[in-house]
C-alpha cells in the first residue's frame, strides 16, 4: 500500500540522512520507523510497543547486589583473573 505524507524539508532531510546512516533506502527506513512505533515486527508479527527504557524495565532489580563502590572493581577483576587461570589450567597451560 502506498501512503503520501507531507513533510517539512527539515524532516525529509533528517529521514534521508538517517536512512543513509542505516544503509537503507528512504522507503524501507521510514517503514521500519512506523513498524517500530506501532510495535509491529518486520514480518507483521507483534513486537514490543512499549516506550519503556532499560532502567525502568530493570528498576526492580537495580541495587539488589550491593557491594561498596571501592570493592566492585576489585571483586570483578579478581573474578575475571580467577576465571582465566581456571581456563588455562583446564587447557593444560601453566600461569
N, C-alpha and C. Protein backbone atom coordinates (compact mmCIF):
# COMPACT_ATOMS: atom_id res chain seq x y z
N UNK A 1 0.85 -1.17 0.00
CA UNK A 1 0.00 0.00 0.00
C UNK A 1 0.90 1.23 0.00
N UNK A 2 0.49 2.24 -0.70
CA UNK A 2 1.23 3.48 -0.77
C UNK A 2 0.46 4.57 -0.04
N UNK A 3 1.17 5.32 0.79
CA UNK A 3 0.59 6.46 1.51
C UNK A 3 1.45 7.67 1.21
N UNK A 4 0.81 8.78 0.96
CA UNK A 4 1.55 10.02 0.73
C UNK A 4 1.48 10.85 2.00
N UNK A 5 2.65 11.33 2.45
CA UNK A 5 2.74 12.14 3.67
C UNK A 5 3.48 13.42 3.33
N UNK A 6 2.94 14.55 3.73
CA UNK A 6 3.62 15.82 3.53
C UNK A 6 4.54 16.07 4.72
N UNK A 7 5.82 16.27 4.43
CA UNK A 7 6.83 16.51 5.46
C UNK A 7 7.47 17.86 5.23
N UNK A 8 7.96 18.43 6.32
CA UNK A 8 8.73 19.66 6.18
C UNK A 8 10.06 19.29 5.54
N UNK A 9 10.71 20.22 4.89
CA UNK A 9 12.03 19.91 4.31
C UNK A 9 13.04 19.42 5.35
N UNK A 10 12.94 19.95 6.56
CA UNK A 10 13.87 19.53 7.62
C UNK A 10 13.67 18.06 7.99
N UNK A 11 12.40 17.65 8.11
CA UNK A 11 12.11 16.26 8.47
C UNK A 11 12.53 15.33 7.34
N UNK A 12 12.25 15.72 6.11
CA UNK A 12 12.65 14.90 4.97
C UNK A 12 14.17 14.73 4.93
N UNK A 13 14.89 15.81 5.13
CA UNK A 13 16.35 15.74 5.12
C UNK A 13 16.87 14.83 6.22
N UNK A 14 16.29 14.97 7.40
CA UNK A 14 16.71 14.12 8.53
C UNK A 14 16.44 12.65 8.25
N UNK A 15 15.26 12.37 7.67
CA UNK A 15 14.93 10.99 7.31
C UNK A 15 15.95 10.44 6.31
N UNK A 16 16.27 11.23 5.31
CA UNK A 16 17.24 10.79 4.30
C UNK A 16 18.62 10.53 4.92
N UNK A 17 19.04 11.41 5.81
CA UNK A 17 20.34 11.24 6.47
C UNK A 17 20.38 9.98 7.32
N UNK A 18 19.32 9.78 8.10
CA UNK A 18 19.28 8.60 8.97
C UNK A 18 19.18 7.31 8.17
N UNK A 19 18.42 7.34 7.08
CA UNK A 19 18.31 6.16 6.22
C UNK A 19 19.67 5.81 5.64
N UNK A 20 20.39 6.82 5.21
CA UNK A 20 21.73 6.60 4.65
C UNK A 20 22.67 6.02 5.70
N UNK A 21 22.60 6.55 6.93
CA UNK A 21 23.44 6.02 8.01
C UNK A 21 23.16 4.55 8.27
N UNK A 22 21.88 4.16 8.14
CA UNK A 22 21.47 2.78 8.39
C UNK A 22 21.68 1.88 7.17
N UNK A 23 22.05 2.49 6.05
CA UNK A 23 22.26 1.71 4.83
C UNK A 23 20.97 1.23 4.20
N UNK A 24 19.89 1.98 4.41
CA UNK A 24 18.59 1.61 3.85
C UNK A 24 18.11 2.70 2.91
N UNK A 25 17.22 2.30 1.97
CA UNK A 25 16.62 3.35 1.16
C UNK A 25 15.56 4.05 2.01
N UNK A 26 15.14 5.20 1.56
CA UNK A 26 14.23 6.04 2.35
C UNK A 26 12.93 5.32 2.68
N UNK A 27 12.39 4.60 1.71
CA UNK A 27 11.12 3.91 1.92
C UNK A 27 11.24 2.83 3.00
N UNK A 28 12.26 2.00 2.90
CA UNK A 28 12.44 0.92 3.88
C UNK A 28 12.70 1.48 5.28
N UNK A 29 13.50 2.54 5.35
CA UNK A 29 13.80 3.13 6.65
C UNK A 29 12.55 3.72 7.28
N UNK A 30 11.77 4.45 6.50
CA UNK A 30 10.54 5.06 7.03
C UNK A 30 9.56 3.98 7.47
N UNK A 31 9.44 2.91 6.67
CA UNK A 31 8.54 1.81 7.04
C UNK A 31 8.99 1.18 8.36
N UNK A 32 10.31 1.01 8.54
CA UNK A 32 10.80 0.40 9.78
C UNK A 32 10.51 1.29 10.99
N UNK A 33 10.60 2.60 10.80
CA UNK A 33 10.26 3.52 11.90
C UNK A 33 8.80 3.40 12.29
N UNK A 34 7.94 3.32 11.31
CA UNK A 34 6.49 3.19 11.57
C UNK A 34 6.20 1.87 12.25
N UNK A 35 6.79 0.78 11.74
CA UNK A 35 6.57 -0.53 12.34
C UNK A 35 7.06 -0.57 13.78
N UNK A 36 8.22 0.04 14.02
CA UNK A 36 8.77 0.09 15.37
C UNK A 36 7.83 0.84 16.31
N UNK A 37 7.35 1.97 15.86
CA UNK A 37 6.46 2.80 16.68
C UNK A 37 5.15 2.09 16.99
N UNK A 38 4.65 1.31 16.01
CA UNK A 38 3.39 0.59 16.20
C UNK A 38 3.57 -0.75 16.88
N UNK A 39 4.81 -1.14 17.11
CA UNK A 39 5.07 -2.42 17.77
C UNK A 39 4.83 -3.60 16.86
N UNK A 40 5.07 -3.40 15.57
CA UNK A 40 4.88 -4.46 14.59
C UNK A 40 6.25 -4.87 14.08
N UNK A 41 6.51 -6.17 14.12
CA UNK A 41 7.79 -6.66 13.62
C UNK A 41 7.87 -6.55 12.11
N UNK A 42 9.05 -6.74 11.55
CA UNK A 42 9.25 -6.60 10.11
C UNK A 42 8.44 -7.59 9.28
N UNK A 43 8.03 -8.71 9.86
CA UNK A 43 7.23 -9.69 9.13
C UNK A 43 5.76 -9.62 9.51
N UNK A 44 5.36 -8.52 10.12
CA UNK A 44 3.96 -8.37 10.51
C UNK A 44 3.64 -9.01 11.85
N UNK A 45 4.65 -9.58 12.51
CA UNK A 45 4.41 -10.18 13.81
C UNK A 45 4.49 -9.12 14.88
N UNK A 46 3.89 -9.40 16.00
CA UNK A 46 3.86 -8.42 17.07
C UNK A 46 5.24 -8.14 17.61
N UNK A 47 5.39 -7.00 18.19
CA UNK A 47 6.65 -6.62 18.79
C UNK A 47 6.37 -5.88 20.07
N UNK A 48 7.39 -5.45 20.70
CA UNK A 48 7.24 -4.69 21.93
C UNK A 48 6.95 -3.25 21.59
N UNK A 49 5.74 -2.81 21.89
CA UNK A 49 5.36 -1.44 21.54
C UNK A 49 5.53 -0.49 22.71
N UNK A 50 6.07 -0.98 23.80
CA UNK A 50 6.21 -0.11 24.96
C UNK A 50 7.34 0.89 24.74
N UNK A 51 7.21 2.00 25.42
CA UNK A 51 8.26 3.02 25.38
C UNK A 51 9.16 2.88 26.60
N UNK A 52 9.11 1.72 27.24
CA UNK A 52 9.85 1.50 28.47
C UNK A 52 11.35 1.50 28.20
N UNK A 53 12.07 2.22 29.02
CA UNK A 53 13.52 2.25 28.90
C UNK A 53 14.11 1.11 29.71
N UNK A 54 15.38 0.80 29.44
CA UNK A 54 16.04 -0.30 30.15
C UNK A 54 16.07 -0.06 31.65
N UNK A 55 16.35 1.17 32.07
CA UNK A 55 16.41 1.43 33.51
C UNK A 55 15.05 1.23 34.17
N UNK A 56 13.96 1.54 33.46
CA UNK A 56 12.62 1.30 34.02
C UNK A 56 12.32 -0.19 34.06
N UNK A 57 12.71 -0.91 33.01
CA UNK A 57 12.46 -2.35 32.96
C UNK A 57 13.20 -3.09 34.07
N UNK A 58 14.39 -2.60 34.42
CA UNK A 58 15.21 -3.26 35.44
C UNK A 58 15.10 -2.61 36.82
N UNK A 59 14.18 -1.67 36.97
CA UNK A 59 14.08 -0.91 38.21
C UNK A 59 13.94 -1.81 39.44
N UNK A 60 13.22 -2.89 39.34
CA UNK A 60 13.05 -3.79 40.47
C UNK A 60 14.28 -4.61 40.80
N UNK A 61 15.25 -4.60 39.91
CA UNK A 61 16.45 -5.41 40.10
C UNK A 61 17.70 -4.57 40.42
N UNK A 62 17.66 -3.31 40.05
CA UNK A 62 18.82 -2.45 40.27
C UNK A 62 19.05 -2.28 41.77
N UNK A 63 20.25 -2.50 42.19
CA UNK A 63 20.60 -2.33 43.59
C UNK A 63 20.46 -3.60 44.42
N UNK A 64 20.04 -4.71 43.79
CA UNK A 64 19.89 -5.95 44.56
C UNK A 64 21.24 -6.51 44.99
N UNK A 65 22.24 -6.31 44.17
CA UNK A 65 23.58 -6.74 44.52
C UNK A 65 24.31 -5.51 45.03
N UNK A 66 24.62 -5.53 46.29
CA UNK A 66 25.19 -4.32 46.88
C UNK A 66 26.58 -4.60 47.41
N UNK A 67 27.55 -4.06 46.72
CA UNK A 67 28.91 -4.05 47.22
C UNK A 67 29.36 -2.61 47.18
N UNK A 68 30.19 -2.25 48.09
CA UNK A 68 30.66 -0.88 48.13
C UNK A 68 31.35 -0.49 46.84
N UNK A 69 31.29 0.77 46.49
CA UNK A 69 31.87 1.21 45.22
C UNK A 69 33.35 0.90 45.09
N UNK A 70 34.07 0.89 46.18
CA UNK A 70 35.51 0.60 46.07
C UNK A 70 35.77 -0.89 45.94
N UNK A 71 34.84 -1.74 46.37
CA UNK A 71 35.03 -3.18 46.31
C UNK A 71 34.68 -3.76 44.94
N UNK A 72 33.75 -3.16 44.24
CA UNK A 72 33.25 -3.74 43.00
C UNK A 72 34.34 -3.94 41.95
N UNK A 73 35.14 -2.94 41.62
CA UNK A 73 36.16 -3.19 40.60
C UNK A 73 37.16 -4.28 41.01
N UNK A 74 37.54 -4.30 42.28
CA UNK A 74 38.49 -5.30 42.75
C UNK A 74 37.89 -6.70 42.66
N UNK A 75 36.63 -6.85 43.11
CA UNK A 75 35.99 -8.17 43.05
C UNK A 75 35.79 -8.62 41.62
N UNK A 76 35.41 -7.69 40.73
CA UNK A 76 35.22 -8.04 39.32
C UNK A 76 36.54 -8.46 38.70
N UNK A 77 37.59 -7.71 38.99
CA UNK A 77 38.92 -8.05 38.46
C UNK A 77 39.41 -9.38 38.96
N UNK A 78 39.20 -9.65 40.24
CA UNK A 78 39.61 -10.93 40.81
C UNK A 78 38.85 -12.08 40.18
N UNK A 79 37.55 -11.92 40.03
CA UNK A 79 36.73 -12.98 39.43
C UNK A 79 37.17 -13.24 37.99
N UNK A 80 37.46 -12.19 37.25
CA UNK A 80 37.90 -12.34 35.87
C UNK A 80 39.24 -13.08 35.80
N UNK A 81 40.19 -12.65 36.62
CA UNK A 81 41.50 -13.30 36.58
C UNK A 81 41.41 -14.74 37.06
N UNK A 82 40.58 -15.02 38.07
CA UNK A 82 40.40 -16.40 38.53
C UNK A 82 39.83 -17.26 37.41
N UNK A 83 38.90 -16.69 36.66
CA UNK A 83 38.31 -17.43 35.54
C UNK A 83 39.33 -17.74 34.46
N UNK A 84 40.21 -16.78 34.18
CA UNK A 84 41.26 -17.02 33.18
C UNK A 84 42.23 -18.10 33.64
N UNK A 85 42.62 -18.03 34.90
CA UNK A 85 43.55 -19.03 35.44
C UNK A 85 42.93 -20.42 35.32
N UNK A 86 41.66 -20.55 35.68
CA UNK A 86 40.97 -21.85 35.60
C UNK A 86 40.88 -22.32 34.16
N UNK A 87 40.61 -21.44 33.23
CA UNK A 87 40.53 -21.79 31.82
C UNK A 87 41.86 -22.31 31.33
N UNK A 88 42.95 -21.63 31.67
CA UNK A 88 44.27 -22.07 31.24
C UNK A 88 44.64 -23.41 31.87
N UNK A 89 44.28 -23.62 33.11
CA UNK A 89 44.58 -24.90 33.78
C UNK A 89 43.86 -26.05 33.10
N UNK A 90 42.59 -25.82 32.71
CA UNK A 90 41.83 -26.86 32.02
C UNK A 90 42.46 -27.19 30.66
N UNK A 91 43.12 -26.24 30.05
CA UNK A 91 43.77 -26.45 28.77
C UNK A 91 45.19 -27.02 28.94
N UNK A 92 45.59 -27.25 30.19
CA UNK A 92 46.92 -27.81 30.44
C UNK A 92 48.03 -26.78 30.41
N UNK A 93 47.68 -25.52 30.47
CA UNK A 93 48.68 -24.47 30.45
C UNK A 93 48.99 -24.04 31.88
N UNK A 94 50.17 -23.51 32.08
CA UNK A 94 50.52 -23.01 33.40
C UNK A 94 50.52 -21.50 33.38
N UNK A 95 50.23 -20.95 34.52
CA UNK A 95 50.17 -19.50 34.64
C UNK A 95 51.32 -19.00 35.46
